[in-house]
């Protein structure tokens, strides 16, 4: 590996590049990135400079999505939904409440941890 340099005044600075693969990052990955940038600055910079940040964010996003599915399923078993055909609005409200409960758990466990 050959390093190239650029001159600034009397100094030579190495041209550094980060070999971080671009990945698709969803909602939870973006929330995690914001949390790390604002609250865990040293860790964020370390991950960014080592090229592991996008991989970490994609992993958190995937784990969060999987956990959401599991939680909604278990909450549906614990708190059965009303009949969808007879009470559509009550069913939608019930599902929204379960989703909000599951998302609160996921955010606490995975994103803001």
C-alpha atoms as a PDB file:
ATOM      1  CA  UNK A   1       0.000   0.000   0.000  1.00  0.00           C
ATOM      2  CA  UNK A   2       1.472   3.285  -1.082  1.00  0.00           C
ATOM      3  CA  UNK A   3       0.604   6.428   0.818  1.00  0.00           C
ATOM      4  CA  UNK A   4       0.260   9.697  -1.012  1.00  0.00           C
ATOM      5  CA  UNK A   5       0.688  13.076   0.603  1.00  0.00           C
ATOM      6  CA  UNK A   6      -0.463  16.602   0.036  1.00  0.00           C
ATOM      7  CA  UNK A   7       1.473  19.703   0.985  1.00  0.00           C
ATOM      8  CA  UNK A   8       0.067  22.452   3.158  1.00  0.00           C
ATOM      9  CA  UNK A   9       2.655  25.159   3.707  1.00  0.00           C
ATOM     10  CA  UNK A  10       5.824  23.452   4.917  1.00  0.00           C
ATOM     11  CA  UNK A  11       4.056  20.264   6.015  1.00  0.00           C
ATOM     12  CA  UNK A  12       3.161  17.045   4.249  1.00  0.00           C
ATOM     13  CA  UNK A  13      -0.109  15.403   5.300  1.00  0.00           C
ATOM     14  CA  UNK A  14      -1.032  11.825   4.357  1.00  0.00           C
ATOM     15  CA  UNK A  15      -4.100  11.335   2.192  1.00  0.00           C
ATOM     16  CA  UNK A  16      -6.126   9.030   4.409  1.00  0.00           C
ATOM     17  CA  UNK A  17      -9.242   7.246   3.255  1.00  0.00           C
ATOM     18  CA  UNK A  18     -11.700   5.139   5.194  1.00  0.00           C
ATOM     19  CA  UNK A  19     -12.575   1.783   3.659  1.00  0.00           C
ATOM     20  CA  UNK A  20     -16.187   1.706   4.863  1.00  0.00           C
ATOM     21  CA  UNK A  21     -18.601  -0.176   2.634  1.00  0.00           C
ATOM     22  CA  UNK A  22     -21.810   1.729   1.885  1.00  0.00           C
ATOM     23  CA  UNK A  23     -24.786  -0.143   3.330  1.00  0.00           C
ATOM     24  CA  UNK A  24     -28.495   0.387   3.478  1.00  0.00           C
ATOM     25  CA  UNK A  25     -29.339   1.787   6.896  1.00  0.00           C
ATOM     26  CA  UNK A  26     -32.930   2.111   8.057  1.00  0.00           C
ATOM     27  CA  UNK A  27     -34.707   4.058  10.755  1.00  0.00           C
ATOM     28  CA  UNK A  28     -33.085   2.396  13.752  1.00  0.00           C
ATOM     29  CA  UNK A  29     -29.605   2.591  12.252  1.00  0.00           C
ATOM     30  CA  UNK A  30     -30.014   6.316  11.673  1.00  0.00           C
ATOM     31  CA  UNK A  31     -31.302   6.830  15.209  1.00  0.00           C
ATOM     32  CA  UNK A  32     -28.293   4.894  16.520  1.00  0.00           C
ATOM     33  CA  UNK A  33     -25.906   7.037  14.459  1.00  0.00           C
ATOM     34  CA  UNK A  34     -27.422  10.241  15.855  1.00  0.00           C
ATOM     35  CA  UNK A  35     -27.236   8.872  19.393  1.00  0.00           C
ATOM     36  CA  UNK A  36     -23.586   7.877  19.008  1.00  0.00           C
ATOM     37  CA  UNK A  37     -22.632  11.184  17.377  1.00  0.00           C
ATOM     38  CA  UNK A  38     -24.254  13.245  20.134  1.00  0.00           C
ATOM     39  CA  UNK A  39     -23.619  11.103  23.240  1.00  0.00           C
ATOM     40  CA  UNK A  40     -20.702   8.748  22.550  1.00  0.00           C
ATOM     41  CA  UNK A  41     -18.433  11.004  20.503  1.00  0.00           C
ATOM     42  CA  UNK A  42     -15.183   9.103  21.046  1.00  0.00           C
ATOM     43  CA  UNK A  43     -16.746   5.753  20.192  1.00  0.00           C
ATOM     44  CA  UNK A  44     -18.446   7.241  17.142  1.00  0.00           C
ATOM     45  CA  UNK A  45     -15.167   8.725  15.863  1.00  0.00           C
ATOM     46  CA  UNK A  46     -13.317   5.464  16.484  1.00  0.00           C
ATOM     47  CA  UNK A  47     -15.899   3.437  14.569  1.00  0.00           C
ATOM     48  CA  UNK A  48     -15.992   6.004  11.767  1.00  0.00           C
ATOM     49  CA  UNK A  49     -12.221   6.152  11.349  1.00  0.00           C
ATOM     50  CA  UNK A  50     -11.789   2.372  11.492  1.00  0.00           C
ATOM     51  CA  UNK A  51     -14.458   1.854   8.812  1.00  0.00           C
ATOM     52  CA  UNK A  52     -16.806  -0.179  11.012  1.00  0.00           C
ATOM     53  CA  UNK A  53     -19.573   2.376  11.574  1.00  0.00           C
ATOM     54  CA  UNK A  54     -21.855   1.475   8.650  1.00  0.00           C
ATOM     55  CA  UNK A  55     -21.557  -2.231   9.411  1.00  0.00           C
ATOM     56  CA  UNK A  56     -22.471  -1.564  13.060  1.00  0.00           C
ATOM     57  CA  UNK A  57     -25.447   0.615  12.085  1.00  0.00           C
ATOM     58  CA  UNK A  58     -26.758  -1.970   9.607  1.00  0.00           C
ATOM     59  CA  UNK A  59     -26.427  -4.679  12.256  1.00  0.00           C
ATOM     60  CA  UNK A  60     -28.314  -2.602  14.851  1.00  0.00           C
ATOM     61  CA  UNK A  61     -31.022  -1.853  12.286  1.00  0.00           C
ATOM     62  CA  UNK A  62     -31.480  -5.535  11.432  1.00  0.00           C
ATOM     63  CA  UNK A  63     -31.543  -6.571  15.104  1.00  0.00           C
ATOM     64  CA  UNK A  64     -34.081  -3.853  15.905  1.00  0.00           C
ATOM     65  CA  UNK A  65     -36.396  -4.903  13.066  1.00  0.00           C
ATOM     66  CA  UNK A  66     -36.239  -8.552  14.149  1.00  0.00           C
ATOM     67  CA  UNK A  67     -36.856  -7.619  17.789  1.00  0.00           C
ATOM     68  CA  UNK A  68     -39.845  -5.464  16.778  1.00  0.00           C
ATOM     69  CA  UNK A  69     -41.439  -8.415  14.978  1.00  0.00           C
ATOM     70  CA  UNK A  70     -40.885 -10.710  17.970  1.00  0.00           C
ATOM     71  CA  UNK A  71     -42.229  -8.172  20.453  1.00  0.00           C
ATOM     72  CA  UNK A  72     -45.365  -7.368  18.453  1.00  0.00           C
ATOM     73  CA  UNK A  73     -46.092 -11.076  18.095  1.00  0.00           C
ATOM     74  CA  UNK A  74     -45.660 -11.731  21.824  1.00  0.00           C
ATOM     75  CA  UNK A  75     -47.659  -8.633  22.762  1.00  0.00           C
ATOM     76  CA  UNK A  76     -50.472  -9.762  20.455  1.00  0.00           C
ATOM     77  CA  UNK A  77     -50.572 -13.055  22.346  1.00  0.00           C
ATOM     78  CA  UNK A  78     -50.538 -11.310  25.721  1.00  0.00           C
ATOM     79  CA  UNK A  79     -53.072  -8.619  24.743  1.00  0.00           C
ATOM     80  CA  UNK A  80     -55.425 -10.093  22.113  1.00  0.00           C
ATOM     81  CA  UNK A  81     -56.753  -7.683  19.517  1.00  0.00           C
ATOM     82  CA  UNK A  82     -60.462  -6.983  19.057  1.00  0.00           C
ATOM     83  CA  UNK A  83     -62.230  -8.437  16.053  1.00  0.00           C
ATOM     84  CA  UNK A  84     -60.850  -6.688  12.993  1.00  0.00           C
ATOM     85  CA  UNK A  85     -64.000  -7.042  10.895  1.00  0.00           C
ATOM     86  CA  UNK A  86     -66.425  -5.846  13.579  1.00  0.00           C
ATOM     87  CA  UNK A  87     -64.327  -3.100  15.184  1.00  0.00           C
ATOM     88  CA  UNK A  88     -61.851  -1.839  12.633  1.00  0.00           C
ATOM     89  CA  UNK A  89     -60.891   1.395  14.388  1.00  0.00           C
ATOM     90  CA  UNK A  90     -60.424  -0.361  17.727  1.00  0.00           C
ATOM     91  CA  UNK A  91     -58.226  -2.966  16.021  1.00  0.00           C
ATOM     92  CA  UNK A  92     -56.071  -0.262  14.386  1.00  0.00           C
ATOM     93  CA  UNK A  93     -55.738   1.601  17.688  1.00  0.00           C
ATOM     94  CA  UNK A  94     -54.793  -1.631  19.433  1.00  0.00           C
ATOM     95  CA  UNK A  95     -52.108  -2.441  16.825  1.00  0.00           C
ATOM     96  CA  UNK A  96     -50.726   1.116  17.025  1.00  0.00           C
ATOM     97  CA  UNK A  97     -50.472   0.816  20.809  1.00  0.00           C
ATOM     98  CA  UNK A  98     -48.649  -2.509  20.540  1.00  0.00           C
ATOM     99  CA  UNK A  99     -46.259  -1.061  17.961  1.00  0.00           C
ATOM    100  CA  UNK A 100     -45.538   1.930  20.202  1.00  0.00           C
ATOM    101  CA  UNK A 101     -44.877  -0.378  23.173  1.00  0.00           C
ATOM    102  CA  UNK A 102     -42.555  -2.580  21.124  1.00  0.00           C
ATOM    103  CA  UNK A 103     -40.710   0.401  19.664  1.00  0.00           C
ATOM    104  CA  UNK A 104     -40.123   1.888  23.102  1.00  0.00           C
ATOM    105  CA  UNK A 105     -38.554  -1.387  24.237  1.00  0.00           C
ATOM    106  CA  UNK A 106     -36.395  -1.680  21.099  1.00  0.00           C
ATOM    107  CA  UNK A 107     -35.169   1.907  21.391  1.00  0.00           C
ATOM    108  CA  UNK A 108     -34.188   1.383  25.008  1.00  0.00           C
ATOM    109  CA  UNK A 109     -32.554  -2.036  24.473  1.00  0.00           C
ATOM    110  CA  UNK A 110     -30.715  -1.546  21.189  1.00  0.00           C
ATOM    111  CA  UNK A 111     -30.585   2.029  19.946  1.00  0.00           C
ATOM    112  CA  UNK A 112     -29.999   4.132  23.074  1.00  0.00           C
ATOM    113  CA  UNK A 113     -27.798   1.670  24.913  1.00  0.00           C
END
